[in-house]
Amino acid sequence: MILNDINKKYNFFEKIIPLEHPRYIMQYNSKNMKTFFNKYLVALKNV
């Protein structure tokens, strides 16, 4: 992943966690919003 390589080189963040953009979820995957919401919660709890 390109972002991870850049982050390793410049040490911007400890870790990069890729998540879907909220607008993408609302426009194209609103039926699965609970799944994405849970994915966000798990990611935020593990930071």
C-alpha atoms as a PDB file:
ATOM      1  CA  MET A   1       0.000   0.000   0.000  1.00  0.00           C
ATOM      2  CA  ILE A   2       1.430   3.338  -1.026  1.00  0.00           C
ATOM      3  CA  LEU A   3       0.193   5.260   2.022  1.00  0.00           C
ATOM      4  CA  ASN A   4       1.874   2.815   4.377  1.00  0.00           C
ATOM      5  CA  ASP A   5       5.163   3.197   2.503  1.00  0.00           C
ATOM      6  CA  ILE A   6       4.999   6.991   2.743  1.00  0.00           C
ATOM      7  CA  ASN A   7       4.080   6.776   6.404  1.00  0.00           C
ATOM      8  CA  LYS A   8       7.025   4.470   7.140  1.00  0.00           C
ATOM      9  CA  LYS A   9       9.385   6.867   5.409  1.00  0.00           C
ATOM     10  CA  TYR A  10       8.164  10.082   7.086  1.00  0.00           C
ATOM     11  CA  ASN A  11       6.567   8.727  10.286  1.00  0.00           C
ATOM     12  CA  PHE A  12       3.399  10.819  10.065  1.00  0.00           C
ATOM     13  CA  PHE A  13       1.309   8.347  12.079  1.00  0.00           C
ATOM     14  CA  GLU A  14       1.873   5.235  14.161  1.00  0.00           C
ATOM     15  CA  LYS A  15      -0.619   3.297  12.067  1.00  0.00           C
ATOM     16  CA  ILE A  16      -2.907   3.903   9.081  1.00  0.00           C
ATOM     17  CA  ILE A  17      -6.300   2.216   9.196  1.00  0.00           C
ATOM     18  CA  PRO A  18      -8.101   2.256   5.836  1.00  0.00           C
ATOM     19  CA  LEU A  19     -11.850   2.806   6.093  1.00  0.00           C
ATOM     20  CA  GLU A  20     -14.525   3.566   3.545  1.00  0.00           C
ATOM     21  CA  HIS A  21     -15.430   7.231   3.178  1.00  0.00           C
ATOM     22  CA  PRO A  22     -18.768   8.089   4.842  1.00  0.00           C
ATOM     23  CA  ARG A  23     -20.127   9.664   1.664  1.00  0.00           C
ATOM     24  CA  TYR A  24     -19.400   6.476  -0.281  1.00  0.00           C
ATOM     25  CA  ILE A  25     -21.298   4.506   2.338  1.00  0.00           C
ATOM     26  CA  MET A  26     -24.292   6.845   2.257  1.00  0.00           C
ATOM     27  CA  GLN A  27     -24.483   7.050  -1.549  1.00  0.00           C
ATOM     28  CA  TYR A  28     -23.722   3.508  -2.617  1.00  0.00           C
ATOM     29  CA  ASN A  29     -24.007   1.214   0.393  1.00  0.00           C
ATOM     30  CA  SER A  30     -26.680   2.649   2.651  1.00  0.00           C
ATOM     31  CA  LYS A  31     -28.278  -0.812   2.891  1.00  0.00           C
ATOM     32  CA  ASN A  32     -25.127  -2.021   4.656  1.00  0.00           C
ATOM     33  CA  MET A  33     -24.688   1.003   6.896  1.00  0.00           C
ATOM     34  CA  LYS A  34     -24.756  -1.060  10.110  1.00  0.00           C
ATOM     35  CA  THR A  35     -21.878  -3.183   8.850  1.00  0.00           C
ATOM     36  CA  PHE A  36     -19.777  -0.111   8.074  1.00  0.00           C
ATOM     37  CA  PHE A  37     -20.755   1.519  11.359  1.00  0.00           C
ATOM     38  CA  ASN A  38     -19.552  -1.549  13.259  1.00  0.00           C
ATOM     39  CA  LYS A  39     -16.341  -1.559  11.219  1.00  0.00           C
ATOM     40  CA  TYR A  40     -15.712   2.072  12.254  1.00  0.00           C
ATOM     41  CA  LEU A  41     -16.422   1.271  15.905  1.00  0.00           C
ATOM     42  CA  VAL A  42     -14.009  -1.662  15.935  1.00  0.00           C
ATOM     43  CA  ALA A  43     -11.310   0.431  14.252  1.00  0.00           C
ATOM     44  CA  LEU A  44     -11.728   3.307  16.714  1.00  0.00           C
ATOM     45  CA  LYS A  45     -11.724   1.023  19.754  1.00  0.00           C
ATOM     46  CA  ASN A  46      -8.453  -0.571  18.635  1.00  0.00           C
ATOM     47  CA  VAL A  47      -6.569   2.677  18.150  1.00  0.00           C
END
